[in-house]
């Protein structure tokens, strides 16, 4: 059972614990350079700015690499998986890749191994976000959408 209040407390505890190294570094540097409270605050804020800049750099590089090479490669691998498991033909309009796998997993007309495979793919899609890797989750969804489009194109056109 999950309680919203417990989750909120856990988030705040994690935030505070994450600040401990920054506070310690700022305190040591303020002490070494006789900065006092002003030096501590300035150092602490500098560390926060540095962390944001490093996140922006890492994020930009991750997305650049994703668009340059990883997206097509990942979509190709995911397409191979769709074909190997013989997932059913996707509808012309899908809400999301999660919607496609959710539909397969809940479709009682599908064989149980295929339904389980769809449920496993849903878990794989949700895992990065559950770990706080929201950009990786989005990249995986984008690559899977590309794979599903290519998979749809592999079926004969109905007239």
N, C-alpha and C. Protein backbone atom coordinates (compact mmCIF):
# COMPACT_ATOMS: atom_id res chain seq x y z
N UNK A 1 0.84 -1.17 0.00
CA UNK A 1 0.00 0.00 0.00
C UNK A 1 0.89 1.24 0.00
N UNK A 2 0.48 2.21 -0.78
CA UNK A 2 1.22 3.47 -0.86
C UNK A 2 0.42 4.59 -0.21
N UNK A 3 1.09 5.42 0.56
CA UNK A 3 0.48 6.60 1.14
C UNK A 3 1.16 7.82 0.55
N UNK A 4 0.37 8.77 0.10
CA UNK A 4 0.93 9.97 -0.50
C UNK A 4 1.85 10.70 0.47
N UNK A 5 1.45 10.76 1.74
CA UNK A 5 2.26 11.46 2.73
C UNK A 5 3.62 10.78 2.91
N UNK A 6 3.64 9.46 2.87
CA UNK A 6 4.90 8.73 3.02
C UNK A 6 5.81 8.97 1.82
N UNK A 7 5.24 9.01 0.63
CA UNK A 7 6.02 9.27 -0.57
C UNK A 7 6.60 10.69 -0.52
N UNK A 8 5.78 11.66 -0.10
CA UNK A 8 6.27 13.04 0.01
C UNK A 8 7.41 13.14 1.03
N UNK A 9 7.26 12.46 2.16
CA UNK A 9 8.34 12.48 3.15
C UNK A 9 9.61 11.87 2.58
N UNK A 10 9.47 10.79 1.86
CA UNK A 10 10.65 10.13 1.27
C UNK A 10 11.34 11.05 0.26
N UNK A 11 10.56 11.78 -0.51
CA UNK A 11 11.15 12.72 -1.47
C UNK A 11 11.94 13.79 -0.74
N UNK A 12 11.35 14.37 0.32
CA UNK A 12 12.05 15.42 1.06
C UNK A 12 13.29 14.89 1.76
N UNK A 13 13.21 13.68 2.30
CA UNK A 13 14.39 13.09 2.95
C UNK A 13 15.50 12.89 1.92
N UNK A 14 15.15 12.41 0.73
CA UNK A 14 16.15 12.21 -0.33
C UNK A 14 16.76 13.53 -0.78
N UNK A 15 15.94 14.56 -0.88
CA UNK A 15 16.47 15.89 -1.27
C UNK A 15 17.46 16.38 -0.21
N UNK A 16 17.07 16.27 1.04
CA UNK A 16 17.95 16.74 2.12
C UNK A 16 19.24 15.93 2.19
N UNK A 17 19.13 14.61 2.03
CA UNK A 17 20.35 13.78 2.04
C UNK A 17 21.24 14.10 0.85
N UNK A 18 20.63 14.45 -0.29
CA UNK A 18 21.41 14.82 -1.46
C UNK A 18 22.16 16.13 -1.28
N UNK A 19 21.69 16.97 -0.39
CA UNK A 19 22.36 18.25 -0.14
C UNK A 19 23.52 18.14 0.84
N UNK A 20 23.60 17.03 1.58
CA UNK A 20 24.65 16.87 2.59
C UNK A 20 26.05 17.05 2.01
N UNK A 21 26.41 16.38 0.90
CA UNK A 21 27.77 16.59 0.37
C UNK A 21 28.03 18.04 -0.03
N UNK A 22 27.02 18.70 -0.60
CA UNK A 22 27.19 20.09 -1.01
C UNK A 22 27.42 21.00 0.19
N UNK A 23 26.67 20.76 1.24
CA UNK A 23 26.83 21.56 2.47
C UNK A 23 28.22 21.33 3.07
N UNK A 24 28.65 20.07 3.10
CA UNK A 24 29.97 19.77 3.66
C UNK A 24 31.09 20.42 2.84
N UNK A 25 31.00 20.33 1.53
CA UNK A 25 32.01 20.95 0.67
C UNK A 25 32.02 22.46 0.87
N UNK A 26 30.83 23.07 0.88
CA UNK A 26 30.74 24.52 1.07
C UNK A 26 31.28 24.93 2.44
N UNK A 27 31.01 24.13 3.48
CA UNK A 27 31.50 24.46 4.82
C UNK A 27 33.02 24.36 4.88
N UNK A 28 33.59 23.31 4.28
CA UNK A 28 35.04 23.14 4.29
C UNK A 28 35.72 24.28 3.54
N UNK A 29 35.20 24.61 2.35
CA UNK A 29 35.80 25.69 1.56
C UNK A 29 35.66 27.05 2.26
N UNK A 30 34.51 27.27 2.87
CA UNK A 30 34.32 28.54 3.60
C UNK A 30 35.29 28.62 4.77
N UNK A 31 35.55 27.51 5.44
CA UNK A 31 36.47 27.49 6.58
C UNK A 31 37.92 27.69 6.10
N UNK A 32 38.29 26.99 5.00
CA UNK A 32 39.65 27.10 4.48
C UNK A 32 39.99 28.52 4.03
N UNK A 33 39.04 29.19 3.42
CA UNK A 33 39.31 30.51 2.87
C UNK A 33 38.74 31.63 3.72
N UNK A 34 38.40 31.34 4.97
CA UNK A 34 37.87 32.32 5.90
C UNK A 34 36.74 33.14 5.28
N UNK A 35 35.81 32.44 4.63
CA UNK A 35 34.70 33.11 3.96
C UNK A 35 33.52 33.41 4.86
N UNK A 36 33.47 32.78 6.00
CA UNK A 36 32.35 33.00 6.90
C UNK A 36 31.05 32.50 6.29
N UNK A 37 29.97 33.03 6.80
CA UNK A 37 28.65 32.60 6.33
C UNK A 37 28.42 33.04 4.89
N UNK A 38 28.93 34.21 4.52
CA UNK A 38 28.79 34.70 3.15
C UNK A 38 29.54 33.77 2.19
N UNK A 39 30.73 33.36 2.53
CA UNK A 39 31.50 32.43 1.70
C UNK A 39 30.82 31.08 1.60
N UNK A 40 30.23 30.63 2.71
CA UNK A 40 29.50 29.36 2.69
C UNK A 40 28.32 29.42 1.72
N UNK A 41 27.51 30.47 1.84
CA UNK A 41 26.33 30.61 0.98
C UNK A 41 26.74 30.74 -0.48
N UNK A 42 27.75 31.55 -0.74
CA UNK A 42 28.22 31.74 -2.11
C UNK A 42 28.76 30.43 -2.69
N UNK A 43 29.52 29.69 -1.91
CA UNK A 43 30.06 28.41 -2.37
C UNK A 43 28.94 27.41 -2.61
N UNK A 44 27.98 27.36 -1.68
CA UNK A 44 26.86 26.43 -1.82
C UNK A 44 26.06 26.74 -3.10
N UNK A 45 25.77 28.02 -3.33
CA UNK A 45 25.05 28.40 -4.55
C UNK A 45 25.87 28.10 -5.80
N UNK A 46 27.17 28.31 -5.73
CA UNK A 46 28.05 27.98 -6.86
C UNK A 46 28.01 26.50 -7.19
N UNK A 47 28.00 25.67 -6.16
CA UNK A 47 27.91 24.22 -6.38
C UNK A 47 26.59 23.86 -7.07
N UNK A 48 25.50 24.51 -6.64
CA UNK A 48 24.19 24.23 -7.25
C UNK A 48 24.18 24.65 -8.71
N UNK A 49 24.75 25.82 -9.01
CA UNK A 49 24.82 26.28 -10.40
C UNK A 49 25.67 25.32 -11.22
N UNK A 50 26.79 24.89 -10.68
CA UNK A 50 27.65 23.94 -11.37
C UNK A 50 26.91 22.63 -11.66
N UNK A 51 26.15 22.15 -10.69
CA UNK A 51 25.37 20.91 -10.89
C UNK A 51 24.36 21.08 -12.01
N UNK A 52 23.68 22.22 -12.06
CA UNK A 52 22.70 22.46 -13.12
C UNK A 52 23.40 22.52 -14.48
N UNK A 53 24.53 23.20 -14.54
CA UNK A 53 25.27 23.29 -15.80
C UNK A 53 25.76 21.91 -16.27
N UNK A 54 26.23 21.10 -15.34
CA UNK A 54 26.65 19.74 -15.71
C UNK A 54 25.45 18.91 -16.19
N UNK A 55 24.29 19.08 -15.56
CA UNK A 55 23.10 18.37 -16.01
C UNK A 55 22.71 18.81 -17.42
N UNK A 56 22.77 20.13 -17.69
CA UNK A 56 22.44 20.64 -19.02
C UNK A 56 23.39 20.07 -20.06
N UNK A 57 24.69 20.05 -19.74
CA UNK A 57 25.68 19.50 -20.67
C UNK A 57 25.42 18.03 -20.94
N UNK A 58 25.20 17.26 -19.90
CA UNK A 58 24.95 15.82 -20.06
C UNK A 58 23.66 15.57 -20.82
N UNK A 59 22.65 16.35 -20.52
CA UNK A 59 21.36 16.19 -21.18
C UNK A 59 21.47 16.52 -22.67
N UNK A 60 22.12 17.62 -22.98
CA UNK A 60 22.28 18.02 -24.38
C UNK A 60 23.08 16.98 -25.15
N UNK A 61 24.14 16.47 -24.55
CA UNK A 61 24.96 15.46 -25.21
C UNK A 61 24.17 14.17 -25.41
N UNK A 62 23.41 13.78 -24.41
CA UNK A 62 22.59 12.57 -24.51
C UNK A 62 21.59 12.67 -25.66
N UNK A 63 20.91 13.80 -25.78
CA UNK A 63 19.93 13.96 -26.85
C UNK A 63 20.62 14.06 -28.21
N UNK A 64 21.76 14.72 -28.27
CA UNK A 64 22.50 14.80 -29.53
C UNK A 64 22.90 13.41 -30.00
N UNK A 65 23.47 12.63 -29.10
CA UNK A 65 23.88 11.27 -29.47
C UNK A 65 22.67 10.41 -29.83
N UNK A 66 21.57 10.61 -29.13
CA UNK A 66 20.35 9.86 -29.43
C UNK A 66 19.90 10.13 -30.86
N UNK A 67 19.89 11.40 -31.26
CA UNK A 67 19.43 11.72 -32.61
C UNK A 67 20.45 11.38 -33.68
N UNK A 68 21.73 11.42 -33.36
CA UNK A 68 22.75 11.12 -34.36
C UNK A 68 22.82 9.62 -34.65
N UNK A 69 22.84 8.80 -33.61
CA UNK A 69 23.06 7.38 -33.89
C UNK A 69 22.16 6.42 -33.12
N UNK A 70 21.87 6.71 -31.89
CA UNK A 70 21.19 5.72 -31.06
C UNK A 70 19.75 5.48 -31.44
N UNK A 71 19.05 6.49 -31.93
CA UNK A 71 17.62 6.33 -32.21
C UNK A 71 17.38 5.29 -33.30
N UNK A 72 18.08 5.39 -34.40
CA UNK A 72 17.89 4.44 -35.50
C UNK A 72 18.33 3.04 -35.10
N UNK A 73 19.44 2.96 -34.41
CA UNK A 73 19.94 1.65 -33.98
C UNK A 73 18.98 1.00 -32.98
N UNK A 74 18.53 1.77 -32.01
CA UNK A 74 17.59 1.23 -31.02
C UNK A 74 16.28 0.83 -31.68
N UNK A 75 15.77 1.66 -32.60
CA UNK A 75 14.53 1.33 -33.29
C UNK A 75 14.68 0.04 -34.10
N UNK A 76 15.84 -0.15 -34.70
CA UNK A 76 16.10 -1.38 -35.46
C UNK A 76 16.07 -2.62 -34.55
N UNK A 77 16.71 -2.52 -33.41
CA UNK A 77 16.71 -3.63 -32.46
C UNK A 77 15.31 -3.92 -31.92
N UNK A 78 14.58 -2.86 -31.62
CA UNK A 78 13.23 -3.03 -31.10
C UNK A 78 12.30 -3.60 -32.17
N UNK A 79 12.48 -3.20 -33.42
CA UNK A 79 11.71 -3.76 -34.53
C UNK A 79 11.97 -5.26 -34.66
N UNK A 80 13.23 -5.66 -34.52
CA UNK A 80 13.56 -7.09 -34.56
C UNK A 80 12.81 -7.84 -33.46
N UNK A 81 12.71 -7.24 -32.30
CA UNK A 81 11.98 -7.88 -31.20
C UNK A 81 10.49 -7.99 -31.48
N UNK A 82 9.90 -6.97 -32.07
CA UNK A 82 8.49 -7.02 -32.43
C UNK A 82 8.23 -8.14 -33.43
N UNK A 83 9.11 -8.24 -34.42
CA UNK A 83 8.95 -9.29 -35.44
C UNK A 83 9.17 -10.68 -34.85
N UNK A 84 10.19 -10.83 -34.02
CA UNK A 84 10.51 -12.14 -33.45
C UNK A 84 9.38 -12.68 -32.59
N UNK A 85 8.71 -11.80 -31.87
CA UNK A 85 7.61 -12.25 -30.99
C UNK A 85 6.28 -12.29 -31.71
N UNK A 86 6.27 -11.82 -32.97
CA UNK A 86 5.06 -11.83 -33.79
C UNK A 86 3.88 -11.13 -33.13
N UNK A 87 4.15 -9.88 -32.72
CA UNK A 87 3.07 -9.08 -32.15
C UNK A 87 2.02 -8.83 -33.23
N UNK A 88 0.78 -8.60 -32.84
CA UNK A 88 -0.27 -8.34 -33.84
C UNK A 88 -0.04 -7.00 -34.55
N UNK A 89 -0.69 -6.85 -35.68
CA UNK A 89 -0.57 -5.61 -36.43
C UNK A 89 -1.13 -4.45 -35.61
N UNK A 90 -0.37 -3.36 -35.49
CA UNK A 90 -0.88 -2.21 -34.75
C UNK A 90 -2.02 -1.53 -35.51
N UNK A 91 -2.88 -0.86 -34.79
CA UNK A 91 -3.93 -0.06 -35.42
C UNK A 91 -3.30 1.12 -36.14
N UNK A 92 -4.07 1.75 -37.02
CA UNK A 92 -3.56 2.93 -37.72
C UNK A 92 -3.28 4.08 -36.76
N UNK A 93 -4.05 4.16 -35.69
CA UNK A 93 -3.87 5.23 -34.71
C UNK A 93 -3.61 4.62 -33.35
N UNK A 94 -2.50 4.96 -32.78
CA UNK A 94 -2.12 4.48 -31.44
C UNK A 94 -1.96 5.68 -30.54
N UNK A 95 -2.42 5.56 -29.31
CA UNK A 95 -2.23 6.65 -28.36
C UNK A 95 -0.77 6.76 -27.97
N UNK A 96 -0.13 5.61 -27.76
CA UNK A 96 1.28 5.58 -27.37
C UNK A 96 1.78 4.14 -27.52
N UNK A 97 3.08 3.98 -27.37
CA UNK A 97 3.63 2.62 -27.41
C UNK A 97 3.15 1.84 -26.19
N UNK A 98 3.00 2.54 -25.06
CA UNK A 98 2.46 1.90 -23.87
C UNK A 98 1.03 1.44 -24.12
N UNK A 99 0.26 2.23 -24.87
CA UNK A 99 -1.10 1.85 -25.21
C UNK A 99 -1.14 0.61 -26.08
N UNK A 100 -0.19 0.50 -27.01
CA UNK A 100 -0.13 -0.69 -27.87
C UNK A 100 0.14 -1.93 -27.03
N UNK A 101 1.20 -1.88 -26.21
CA UNK A 101 1.52 -3.05 -25.40
C UNK A 101 0.44 -3.34 -24.35
N UNK A 102 -0.14 -2.29 -23.80
CA UNK A 102 -1.22 -2.48 -22.85
C UNK A 102 -2.42 -3.17 -23.49
N UNK A 103 -2.71 -2.78 -24.73
CA UNK A 103 -3.81 -3.41 -25.47
C UNK A 103 -3.54 -4.88 -25.74
N UNK A 104 -2.31 -5.19 -26.13
CA UNK A 104 -1.96 -6.60 -26.38
C UNK A 104 -2.00 -7.39 -25.08
N UNK A 105 -1.47 -6.81 -24.02
CA UNK A 105 -1.43 -7.52 -22.73
C UNK A 105 -2.82 -7.81 -22.19
N UNK A 106 -3.78 -6.94 -22.46
CA UNK A 106 -5.13 -7.13 -21.93
C UNK A 106 -6.08 -7.81 -22.91
N UNK A 107 -5.61 -8.10 -24.11
CA UNK A 107 -6.46 -8.75 -25.13
C UNK A 107 -6.50 -10.26 -24.88
N UNK A 108 -7.64 -10.72 -24.41
CA UNK A 108 -7.77 -12.14 -24.09
C UNK A 108 -7.76 -13.04 -25.31
N UNK A 109 -7.92 -12.46 -26.51
CA UNK A 109 -7.87 -13.25 -27.73
C UNK A 109 -6.43 -13.62 -28.11
N UNK A 110 -5.46 -12.92 -27.54
CA UNK A 110 -4.05 -13.20 -27.84
C UNK A 110 -3.55 -14.37 -26.99
N UNK A 111 -2.59 -15.12 -27.52
CA UNK A 111 -2.03 -16.22 -26.72
C UNK A 111 -1.29 -15.69 -25.49
N UNK A 112 -1.31 -16.49 -24.44
CA UNK A 112 -0.73 -16.04 -23.16
C UNK A 112 0.74 -15.65 -23.27
N UNK A 113 1.59 -16.40 -24.00
CA UNK A 113 3.01 -15.98 -24.10
C UNK A 113 3.16 -14.58 -24.71
N UNK A 114 2.31 -14.26 -25.68
CA UNK A 114 2.37 -12.94 -26.31
C UNK A 114 1.89 -11.86 -25.33
N UNK A 115 0.85 -12.16 -24.58
CA UNK A 115 0.36 -11.21 -23.58
C UNK A 115 1.42 -10.95 -22.51
N UNK A 116 2.11 -12.00 -22.10
CA UNK A 116 3.18 -11.85 -21.11
C UNK A 116 4.34 -11.04 -21.68
N UNK A 117 4.66 -11.28 -22.95
CA UNK A 117 5.74 -10.51 -23.60
C UNK A 117 5.37 -9.04 -23.66
N UNK A 118 4.10 -8.74 -23.95
CA UNK A 118 3.66 -7.34 -23.99
C UNK A 118 3.75 -6.72 -22.60
N UNK A 119 3.36 -7.47 -21.57
CA UNK A 119 3.46 -6.96 -20.21
C UNK A 119 4.92 -6.71 -19.82
N UNK A 120 5.80 -7.60 -20.26
CA UNK A 120 7.23 -7.42 -19.99
C UNK A 120 7.76 -6.17 -20.68
N UNK A 121 7.31 -5.91 -21.90
CA UNK A 121 7.74 -4.70 -22.61
C UNK A 121 7.23 -3.45 -21.90
N UNK A 122 6.02 -3.52 -21.37
CA UNK A 122 5.50 -2.39 -20.59
C UNK A 122 6.40 -2.12 -19.39
N UNK A 123 6.81 -3.19 -18.72
CA UNK A 123 7.72 -3.03 -17.58
C UNK A 123 9.04 -2.42 -18.00
N UNK A 124 9.56 -2.86 -19.13
CA UNK A 124 10.82 -2.32 -19.63
C UNK A 124 10.69 -0.84 -19.98
N UNK A 125 9.55 -0.46 -20.52
CA UNK A 125 9.33 0.94 -20.86
C UNK A 125 9.19 1.82 -19.62
N UNK A 126 8.62 1.27 -18.56
CA UNK A 126 8.38 2.04 -17.35
C UNK A 126 9.59 2.06 -16.41
N UNK A 127 10.51 1.14 -16.57
CA UNK A 127 11.64 1.03 -15.64
C UNK A 127 12.50 2.30 -15.58
N UNK A 128 12.93 2.88 -16.71
CA UNK A 128 13.77 4.09 -16.58
C UNK A 128 13.09 5.22 -15.82
N UNK A 129 11.80 5.44 -16.08
CA UNK A 129 11.09 6.51 -15.38
C UNK A 129 10.98 6.21 -13.89
N UNK A 130 10.78 4.95 -13.55
CA UNK A 130 10.70 4.57 -12.13
C UNK A 130 12.03 4.80 -11.43
N UNK A 131 13.12 4.77 -12.17
CA UNK A 131 14.44 5.02 -11.61
C UNK A 131 14.82 6.50 -11.68
N UNK A 132 13.90 7.34 -12.13
CA UNK A 132 14.17 8.77 -12.21
C UNK A 132 14.87 9.19 -13.49
N UNK A 133 15.01 8.28 -14.42
CA UNK A 133 15.69 8.57 -15.69
C UNK A 133 14.63 8.92 -16.74
N UNK A 134 14.02 10.08 -16.58
CA UNK A 134 12.88 10.45 -17.41
C UNK A 134 13.28 10.69 -18.86
N UNK A 135 14.48 11.23 -19.08
CA UNK A 135 14.92 11.45 -20.46
C UNK A 135 15.19 10.12 -21.16
N UNK A 136 15.77 9.18 -20.46
CA UNK A 136 16.00 7.85 -21.05
C UNK A 136 14.67 7.18 -21.37
N UNK A 137 13.68 7.35 -20.48
CA UNK A 137 12.36 6.77 -20.73
C UNK A 137 11.74 7.38 -21.99
N UNK A 138 11.89 8.69 -22.16
CA UNK A 138 11.36 9.35 -23.34
C UNK A 138 12.09 8.89 -24.59
N UNK A 139 13.41 8.77 -24.51
CA UNK A 139 14.17 8.30 -25.66
C UNK A 139 13.77 6.88 -26.05
N UNK A 140 13.57 6.03 -25.07
CA UNK A 140 13.14 4.65 -25.35
C UNK A 140 11.77 4.64 -26.00
N UNK A 141 10.86 5.47 -25.52
CA UNK A 141 9.52 5.55 -26.11
C UNK A 141 9.58 6.04 -27.56
N UNK A 142 10.43 7.05 -27.81
CA UNK A 142 10.56 7.56 -29.17
C UNK A 142 11.12 6.49 -30.11
N UNK A 143 12.13 5.77 -29.66
CA UNK A 143 12.70 4.71 -30.49
C UNK A 143 11.67 3.60 -30.72
N UNK A 144 10.90 3.27 -29.69
CA UNK A 144 9.88 2.23 -29.84
C UNK A 144 8.77 2.68 -30.78
N UNK A 145 8.42 3.97 -30.75
CA UNK A 145 7.42 4.46 -31.69
C UNK A 145 7.91 4.34 -33.12
N UNK A 146 9.19 4.65 -33.36
CA UNK A 146 9.76 4.47 -34.69
C UNK A 146 9.70 3.00 -35.11
N UNK A 147 10.01 2.12 -34.17
CA UNK A 147 9.98 0.68 -34.47
C UNK A 147 8.55 0.22 -34.77
N UNK A 148 7.58 0.73 -34.04
CA UNK A 148 6.19 0.33 -34.26
C UNK A 148 5.68 0.84 -35.60
N UNK A 149 6.11 2.04 -36.01
CA UNK A 149 5.74 2.56 -37.33
C UNK A 149 6.31 1.65 -38.42
N UNK A 150 7.57 1.28 -38.30
CA UNK A 150 8.19 0.38 -39.28
C UNK A 150 7.52 -0.99 -39.25
N UNK A 151 7.15 -1.44 -38.08
CA UNK A 151 6.46 -2.74 -37.96
C UNK A 151 5.11 -2.69 -38.65
N UNK A 152 4.38 -1.60 -38.47
CA UNK A 152 3.07 -1.44 -39.12
C UNK A 152 3.23 -1.46 -40.63
N UNK A 153 4.29 -0.84 -41.11
CA UNK A 153 4.52 -0.80 -42.57
C UNK A 153 4.87 -2.15 -43.16
N UNK A 154 5.29 -3.09 -42.32
CA UNK A 154 5.67 -4.41 -42.81
C UNK A 154 4.45 -5.29 -43.12
N UNK A 155 3.25 -4.86 -42.70
CA UNK A 155 2.05 -5.61 -42.97
C UNK A 155 1.46 -5.17 -44.31
N UNK A 156 0.78 -6.10 -45.02
CA UNK A 156 0.16 -5.69 -46.29
C UNK A 156 -0.93 -4.65 -46.05
N UNK A 157 -1.07 -3.74 -46.99
CA UNK A 157 -2.06 -2.69 -46.87
C UNK A 157 -3.44 -3.27 -47.12
N UNK A 158 -4.36 -3.05 -46.19
CA UNK A 158 -5.75 -3.53 -46.34
C UNK A 158 -6.52 -2.57 -47.22
N UNK A 159 -7.32 -3.13 -48.11
CA UNK A 159 -8.11 -2.28 -49.02
C UNK A 159 -9.56 -2.49 -48.80
